[in-house]
Amino acid sequence: MNMKKRVVFRVVGIGALHSFLYLWLVPFVIYPKFGDNGFKMTIAVAVLISIAVFGTLFISRKTKDKNNFKQ
């Protein structure tokens, strides 16, 4: 798969995750049950997932560049 397509899929996936979290899960499920602490924890987890997904882009790019260089 083309690198640009991977980036687009990951960015769209992160956007969909955040939309789901902030528009439905947090206000209707997390906040009523766990309050402010649950809200903060959900935000922290969402940000960490986003960082991890974006981090895989750079790791795969570096690995791919190293493999092309060795050939």
PDB file of N, CA and C in Angstrom:
ATOM      1  N   MET A   1       0.842  -1.174   0.000  1.00  0.00           N
ATOM      2  CA  MET A   1       0.000   0.000   0.000  1.00  0.00           C
ATOM      3  C   MET A   1       0.890   1.240   0.000  1.00  0.00           C
ATOM      4  N   ASN A   2       0.457   2.237  -0.693  1.00  0.00           N
ATOM      5  CA  ASN A   2       1.195   3.476  -0.805  1.00  0.00           C
ATOM      6  C   ASN A   2       1.291   4.160   0.562  1.00  0.00           C
ATOM      7  N   MET A   3       2.417   4.838   0.799  1.00  0.00           N
ATOM      8  CA  MET A   3       2.645   5.492   2.082  1.00  0.00           C
ATOM      9  C   MET A   3       1.611   6.589   2.344  1.00  0.00           C
ATOM     10  N   LYS A   4       1.244   7.340   1.305  1.00  0.00           N
ATOM     11  CA  LYS A   4       0.264   8.409   1.487  1.00  0.00           C
ATOM     12  C   LYS A   4      -1.097   7.841   1.885  1.00  0.00           C
ATOM     13  N   LYS A   5      -1.460   6.693   1.324  1.00  0.00           N
ATOM     14  CA  LYS A   5      -2.727   6.068   1.692  1.00  0.00           C
ATOM     15  C   LYS A   5      -2.712   5.631   3.143  1.00  0.00           C
ATOM     16  N   ARG A   6      -1.585   5.118   3.602  1.00  0.00           N
ATOM     17  CA  ARG A   6      -1.476   4.712   5.007  1.00  0.00           C
ATOM     18  C   ARG A   6      -1.644   5.905   5.928  1.00  0.00           C
ATOM     19  N   VAL A   7      -1.008   7.014   5.553  1.00  0.00           N
ATOM     20  CA  VAL A   7      -1.107   8.216   6.378  1.00  0.00           C
ATOM     21  C   VAL A   7      -2.553   8.692   6.425  1.00  0.00           C
ATOM     22  N   VAL A   8      -3.215   8.704   5.272  1.00  0.00           N
ATOM     23  CA  VAL A   8      -4.602   9.159   5.215  1.00  0.00           C
ATOM     24  C   VAL A   8      -5.486   8.243   6.060  1.00  0.00           C
ATOM     25  N   PHE A   9      -5.315   6.935   5.948  1.00  0.00           N
ATOM     26  CA  PHE A   9      -6.114   6.004   6.740  1.00  0.00           C
ATOM     27  C   PHE A   9      -5.894   6.208   8.238  1.00  0.00           C
ATOM     28  N   ARG A  10      -4.668   6.435   8.630  1.00  0.00           N
ATOM     29  CA  ARG A  10      -4.395   6.625  10.059  1.00  0.00           C
ATOM     30  C   ARG A  10      -4.966   7.933  10.569  1.00  0.00           C
ATOM     31  N   VAL A  11      -4.837   9.001   9.784  1.00  0.00           N
ATOM     32  CA  VAL A  11      -5.377  10.289  10.210  1.00  0.00           C
ATOM     33  C   VAL A  11      -6.901  10.223  10.288  1.00  0.00           C
ATOM     34  N   VAL A  12      -7.528   9.605   9.293  1.00  0.00           N
ATOM     35  CA  VAL A  12      -8.987   9.451   9.316  1.00  0.00           C
ATOM     36  C   VAL A  12      -9.402   8.564  10.491  1.00  0.00           C
ATOM     37  N   GLY A  13      -8.647   7.517  10.755  1.00  0.00           N
ATOM     38  CA  GLY A  13      -8.950   6.641  11.888  1.00  0.00           C
ATOM     39  C   GLY A  13      -8.853   7.363  13.213  1.00  0.00           C
ATOM     40  N   ILE A  14      -7.831   8.188  13.373  1.00  0.00           N
ATOM     41  CA  ILE A  14      -7.689   8.962  14.602  1.00  0.00           C
ATOM     42  C   ILE A  14      -8.836   9.956  14.730  1.00  0.00           C
ATOM     43  N   GLY A  15      -9.199  10.582  13.620  1.00  0.00           N
ATOM     44  CA  GLY A  15     -10.333  11.514  13.644  1.00  0.00           C
ATOM     45  C   GLY A  15     -11.622  10.819  14.033  1.00  0.00           C
ATOM     46  N   ALA A  16     -11.836   9.631  13.476  1.00  0.00           N
ATOM     47  CA  ALA A  16     -13.044   8.869  13.812  1.00  0.00           C
ATOM     48  C   ALA A  16     -13.039   8.460  15.286  1.00  0.00           C
ATOM     49  N   LEU A  17     -11.889   8.050  15.786  1.00  0.00           N
ATOM     50  CA  LEU A  17     -11.777   7.679  17.199  1.00  0.00           C
ATOM     51  C   LEU A  17     -12.125   8.855  18.104  1.00  0.00           C
ATOM     52  N   HIS A  18     -11.547  10.011  17.819  1.00  0.00           N
ATOM     53  CA  HIS A  18     -11.800  11.179  18.649  1.00  0.00           C
ATOM     54  C   HIS A  18     -13.253  11.633  18.533  1.00  0.00           C
ATOM     55  N   SER A  19     -13.813  11.580  17.338  1.00  0.00           N
ATOM     56  CA  SER A  19     -15.223  11.945  17.171  1.00  0.00           C
ATOM     57  C   SER A  19     -16.112  11.028  17.993  1.00  0.00           C
ATOM     58  N   PHE A  20     -15.865   9.738  17.918  1.00  0.00           N
ATOM     59  CA  PHE A  20     -16.640   8.768  18.698  1.00  0.00           C
ATOM     60  C   PHE A  20     -16.491   9.037  20.191  1.00  0.00           C
ATOM     61  N   LEU A  21     -15.262   9.268  20.628  1.00  0.00           N
ATOM     62  CA  LEU A  21     -15.024   9.496  22.054  1.00  0.00           C
ATOM     63  C   LEU A  21     -15.710  10.753  22.555  1.00  0.00           C
ATOM     64  N   TYR A  22     -15.481  11.861  21.855  1.00  0.00           N
ATOM     65  CA  TYR A  22     -15.922  13.151  22.381  1.00  0.00           C
ATOM     66  C   TYR A  22     -17.393  13.441  22.109  1.00  0.00           C
ATOM     67  N   LEU A  23     -17.968  12.816  21.103  1.00  0.00           N
ATOM     68  CA  LEU A  23     -19.368  13.105  20.786  1.00  0.00           C
ATOM     69  C   LEU A  23     -20.354  12.107  21.392  1.00  0.00           C
ATOM     70  N   TRP A  24     -19.883  10.892  21.706  1.00  0.00           N
ATOM     71  CA  TRP A  24     -20.818   9.922  22.274  1.00  0.00           C
ATOM     72  C   TRP A  24     -20.309   9.281  23.555  1.00  0.00           C
ATOM     73  N   LEU A  25     -19.161   8.656  23.515  1.00  0.00           N
ATOM     74  CA  LEU A  25     -18.699   7.856  24.652  1.00  0.00           C
ATOM     75  C   LEU A  25     -18.490   8.691  25.908  1.00  0.00           C
ATOM     76  N   VAL A  26     -17.770   9.786  25.797  1.00  0.00           N
ATOM     77  CA  VAL A  26     -17.483  10.585  26.992  1.00  0.00           C
ATOM     78  C   VAL A  26     -18.744  11.221  27.577  1.00  0.00           C
ATOM     79  N   PRO A  27     -19.544  11.943  26.787  1.00  0.00           N
ATOM     80  CA  PRO A  27     -20.675  12.623  27.432  1.00  0.00           C
ATOM     81  C   PRO A  27     -21.797  11.707  27.910  1.00  0.00           C
ATOM     82  N   PHE A  28     -22.010  10.587  27.235  1.00  0.00           N
ATOM     83  CA  PHE A  28     -23.154   9.748  27.580  1.00  0.00           C
ATOM     84  C   PHE A  28     -22.806   8.515  28.408  1.00  0.00           C
ATOM     85  N   VAL A  29     -21.548   8.090  28.403  1.00  0.00           N
ATOM     86  CA  VAL A  29     -21.183   6.866  29.119  1.00  0.00           C
ATOM     87  C   VAL A  29     -20.170   7.155  30.235  1.00  0.00           C
ATOM     88  N   ILE A  30     -19.046   7.742  29.884  1.00  0.00           N
ATOM     89  CA  ILE A  30     -17.951   7.919  30.852  1.00  0.00           C
ATOM     90  C   ILE A  30     -18.291   8.984  31.893  1.00  0.00           C
ATOM     91  N   TYR A  31     -18.675  10.172  31.449  1.00  0.00           N
ATOM     92  CA  TYR A  31     -18.883  11.267  32.396  1.00  0.00           C
ATOM     93  C   TYR A  31     -19.987  11.002  33.411  1.00  0.00           C
ATOM     94  N   PRO A  32     -21.154  10.484  33.000  1.00  0.00           N
ATOM     95  CA  PRO A  32     -22.186  10.221  34.023  1.00  0.00           C
ATOM     96  C   PRO A  32     -21.776   9.162  35.051  1.00  0.00           C
ATOM     97  N   LYS A  33     -20.976   8.194  34.615  1.00  0.00           N
ATOM     98  CA  LYS A  33     -20.622   7.106  35.529  1.00  0.00           C
ATOM     99  C   LYS A  33     -19.397   7.425  36.381  1.00  0.00           C
ATOM    100  N   PHE A  34     -18.368   8.045  35.767  1.00  0.00           N
ATOM    101  CA  PHE A  34     -17.098   8.246  36.475  1.00  0.00           C
ATOM    102  C   PHE A  34     -16.791   9.702  36.783  1.00  0.00           C
ATOM    103  N   GLY A  35     -17.556  10.624  36.257  1.00  0.00           N
ATOM    104  CA  GLY A  35     -17.360  12.038  36.559  1.00  0.00           C
ATOM    105  C   GLY A  35     -16.119  12.621  35.903  1.00  0.00           C
ATOM    106  N   ASP A  36     -15.581  13.618  36.554  1.00  0.00           N
ATOM    107  CA  ASP A  36     -14.461  14.379  35.999  1.00  0.00           C
ATOM    108  C   ASP A  36     -13.199  13.528  35.860  1.00  0.00           C
ATOM    109  N   ASN A  37     -12.951  12.624  36.796  1.00  0.00           N
ATOM    110  CA  ASN A  37     -11.764  11.770  36.703  1.00  0.00           C
ATOM    111  C   ASN A  37     -11.836  10.836  35.495  1.00  0.00           C
ATOM    112  N   GLY A  38     -13.001  10.299  35.223  1.00  0.00           N
ATOM    113  CA  GLY A  38     -13.177   9.450  34.053  1.00  0.00           C
ATOM    114  C   GLY A  38     -12.971  10.222  32.768  1.00  0.00           C
ATOM    115  N   PHE A  39     -13.447  11.466  32.753  1.00  0.00           N
ATOM    116  CA  PHE A  39     -13.270  12.334  31.585  1.00  0.00           C
ATOM    117  C   PHE A  39     -11.792  12.581  31.322  1.00  0.00           C
ATOM    118  N   LYS A  40     -11.052  12.919  32.359  1.00  0.00           N
ATOM    119  CA  LYS A  40      -9.608  13.180  32.209  1.00  0.00           C
ATOM    120  C   LYS A  40      -8.869  11.927  31.759  1.00  0.00           C
ATOM    121  N   MET A  41      -9.225  10.791  32.309  1.00  0.00           N
ATOM    122  CA  MET A  41      -8.570   9.537  31.932  1.00  0.00           C
ATOM    123  C   MET A  41      -8.857   9.188  30.474  1.00  0.00           C
ATOM    124  N   THR A  42     -10.085   9.392  30.028  1.00  0.00           N
ATOM    125  CA  THR A  42     -10.443   9.113  28.642  1.00  0.00           C
ATOM    126  C   THR A  42      -9.652   9.999  27.699  1.00  0.00           C
ATOM    127  N   ILE A  43      -9.518  11.267  28.023  1.00  0.00           N
ATOM    128  CA  ILE A  43      -8.747  12.193  27.186  1.00  0.00           C
ATOM    129  C   ILE A  43      -7.285  11.764  27.137  1.00  0.00           C
ATOM    130  N   ALA A  44      -6.733  11.386  28.269  1.00  0.00           N
ATOM    131  CA  ALA A  44      -5.337  10.959  28.310  1.00  0.00           C
ATOM    132  C   ALA A  44      -5.113   9.709  27.460  1.00  0.00           C
ATOM    133  N   VAL A  45      -6.005   8.756  27.546  1.00  0.00           N
ATOM    134  CA  VAL A  45      -5.875   7.525  26.759  1.00  0.00           C
ATOM    135  C   VAL A  45      -6.004   7.835  25.262  1.00  0.00           C
ATOM    136  N   ALA A  46      -6.936   8.694  24.896  1.00  0.00           N
ATOM    137  CA  ALA A  46      -7.127   9.044  23.487  1.00  0.00           C
ATOM    138  C   ALA A  46      -5.887   9.730  22.924  1.00  0.00           C
ATOM    139  N   VAL A  47      -5.301  10.621  23.693  1.00  0.00           N
ATOM    140  CA  VAL A  47      -4.087  11.311  23.236  1.00  0.00           C
ATOM    141  C   VAL A  47      -2.932  10.321  23.112  1.00  0.00           C
ATOM    142  N   LEU A  48      -2.795   9.417  24.055  1.00  0.00           N
ATOM    143  CA  LEU A  48      -1.724   8.421  23.980  1.00  0.00           C
ATOM    144  C   LEU A  48      -1.894   7.492  22.778  1.00  0.00           C
ATOM    145  N   ILE A  49      -3.122   7.092  22.481  1.00  0.00           N
ATOM    146  CA  ILE A  49      -3.374   6.254  21.309  1.00  0.00           C
ATOM    147  C   ILE A  49      -3.005   7.010  20.042  1.00  0.00           C
ATOM    148  N   SER A  50      -3.374   8.283  19.981  1.00  0.00           N
ATOM    149  CA  SER A  50      -3.051   9.091  18.801  1.00  0.00           C
ATOM    150  C   SER A  50      -1.553   9.230  18.613  1.00  0.00           C
ATOM    151  N   ILE A  51      -0.847   9.467  19.686  1.00  0.00           N
ATOM    152  CA  ILE A  51       0.617   9.579  19.611  1.00  0.00           C
ATOM    153  C   ILE A  51       1.216   8.257  19.157  1.00  0.00           C
ATOM    154  N   ALA A  52       0.723   7.156  19.664  1.00  0.00           N
ATOM    155  CA  ALA A  52       1.239   5.840  19.272  1.00  0.00           C
ATOM    156  C   ALA A  52       1.005   5.571  17.789  1.00  0.00           C
ATOM    157  N   VAL A  53      -0.175   5.919  17.297  1.00  0.00           N
ATOM    158  CA  VAL A  53      -0.477   5.682  15.886  1.00  0.00           C
ATOM    159  C   VAL A  53       0.405   6.555  14.996  1.00  0.00           C
ATOM    160  N   PHE A  54       0.550   7.827  15.348  1.00  0.00           N
ATOM    161  CA  PHE A  54       1.442   8.683  14.570  1.00  0.00           C
ATOM    162  C   PHE A  54       2.891   8.240  14.692  1.00  0.00           C
ATOM    163  N   GLY A  55       3.273   7.726  15.839  1.00  0.00           N
ATOM    164  CA  GLY A  55       4.642   7.223  16.011  1.00  0.00           C
ATOM    165  C   GLY A  55       4.955   6.062  15.101  1.00  0.00           C
ATOM    166  N   THR A  56       3.973   5.211  14.855  1.00  0.00           N
ATOM    167  CA  THR A  56       4.204   4.081  13.956  1.00  0.00           C
ATOM    168  C   THR A  56       4.471   4.546  12.530  1.00  0.00           C
ATOM    169  N   LEU A  57       3.943   5.696  12.157  1.00  0.00           N
ATOM    170  CA  LEU A  57       4.236   6.237  10.825  1.00  0.00           C
ATOM    171  C   LEU A  57       5.719   6.515  10.670  1.00  0.00           C
ATOM    172  N   PHE A  58       6.306   7.160  11.667  1.00  0.00           N
ATOM    173  CA  PHE A  58       7.712   7.518  11.587  1.00  0.00           C
ATOM    174  C   PHE A  58       8.616   6.298  11.734  1.00  0.00           C
ATOM    175  N   ILE A  59       8.220   5.348  12.556  1.00  0.00           N
ATOM    176  CA  ILE A  59       9.012   4.131  12.718  1.00  0.00           C
ATOM    177  C   ILE A  59       9.021   3.327  11.420  1.00  0.00           C
ATOM    178  N   SER A  60       7.855   3.174  10.806  1.00  0.00           N
ATOM    179  CA  SER A  60       7.799   2.403   9.557  1.00  0.00           C
ATOM    180  C   SER A  60       8.552   3.121   8.442  1.00  0.00           C
ATOM    181  N   ARG A  61       8.522   4.439   8.430  1.00  0.00           N
ATOM    182  CA  ARG A  61       9.240   5.193   7.409  1.00  0.00           C
ATOM    183  C   ARG A  61      10.752   5.016   7.584  1.00  0.00           C
ATOM    184  N   LYS A  62      11.241   5.074   8.821  1.00  0.00           N
ATOM    185  CA  LYS A  62      12.672   4.908   9.075  1.00  0.00           C
ATOM    186  C   LYS A  62      13.118   3.493   8.714  1.00  0.00           C
ATOM    187  N   THR A  63      12.319   2.507   9.067  1.00  0.00           N
ATOM    188  CA  THR A  63      12.645   1.116   8.750  1.00  0.00           C
ATOM    189  C   THR A  63      12.670   0.905   7.246  1.00  0.00           C
ATOM    190  N   LYS A  64      11.713   1.465   6.559  1.00  0.00           N
ATOM    191  CA  LYS A  64      11.651   1.328   5.110  1.00  0.00           C
ATOM    192  C   LYS A  64      12.856   1.993   4.459  1.00  0.00           C
ATOM    193  N   ASP A  65      13.248   3.177   4.940  1.00  0.00           N
ATOM    194  CA  ASP A  65      14.411   3.867   4.394  1.00  0.00           C
ATOM    195  C   ASP A  65      15.693   3.067   4.634  1.00  0.00           C
ATOM    196  N   LYS A  66      15.828   2.461   5.796  1.00  0.00           N
ATOM    197  CA  LYS A  66      17.014   1.659   6.082  1.00  0.00           C
ATOM    198  C   LYS A  66      17.067   0.433   5.184  1.00  0.00           C
ATOM    199  N   ASN A  67      15.923  -0.212   4.963  1.00  0.00           N
ATOM    200  CA  ASN A  67      15.881  -1.397   4.093  1.00  0.00           C
ATOM    201  C   ASN A  67      16.210  -1.024   2.657  1.00  0.00           C
ATOM    202  N   ASN A  68      15.748   0.102   2.162  1.00  0.00           N
ATOM    203  CA  ASN A  68      16.064   0.531   0.807  1.00  0.00           C
ATOM    204  C   ASN A  68      17.526   0.905   0.676  1.00  0.00           C
ATOM    205  N   PHE A  69      18.119   1.451   1.723  1.00  0.00           N
ATOM    206  CA  PHE A  69      19.512   1.843   1.691  1.00  0.00           C
ATOM    207  C   PHE A  69      20.440   0.632   1.616  1.00  0.00           C
ATOM    208  N   LYS A  70      20.073  -0.450   2.290  1.00  0.00           N
ATOM    209  CA  LYS A  70      20.910  -1.649   2.328  1.00  0.00           C
ATOM    210  C   LYS A  70      20.946  -2.367   0.981  1.00  0.00           C
ATOM    211  N   GLN A  71      19.928  -2.207   0.163  1.00  0.00           N
ATOM    212  CA  GLN A  71      19.869  -2.940  -1.088  1.00  0.00           C
ATOM    213  C   GLN A  71      20.767  -2.399  -2.095  1.00  0.00           C
TER     214      GLN A  71
END
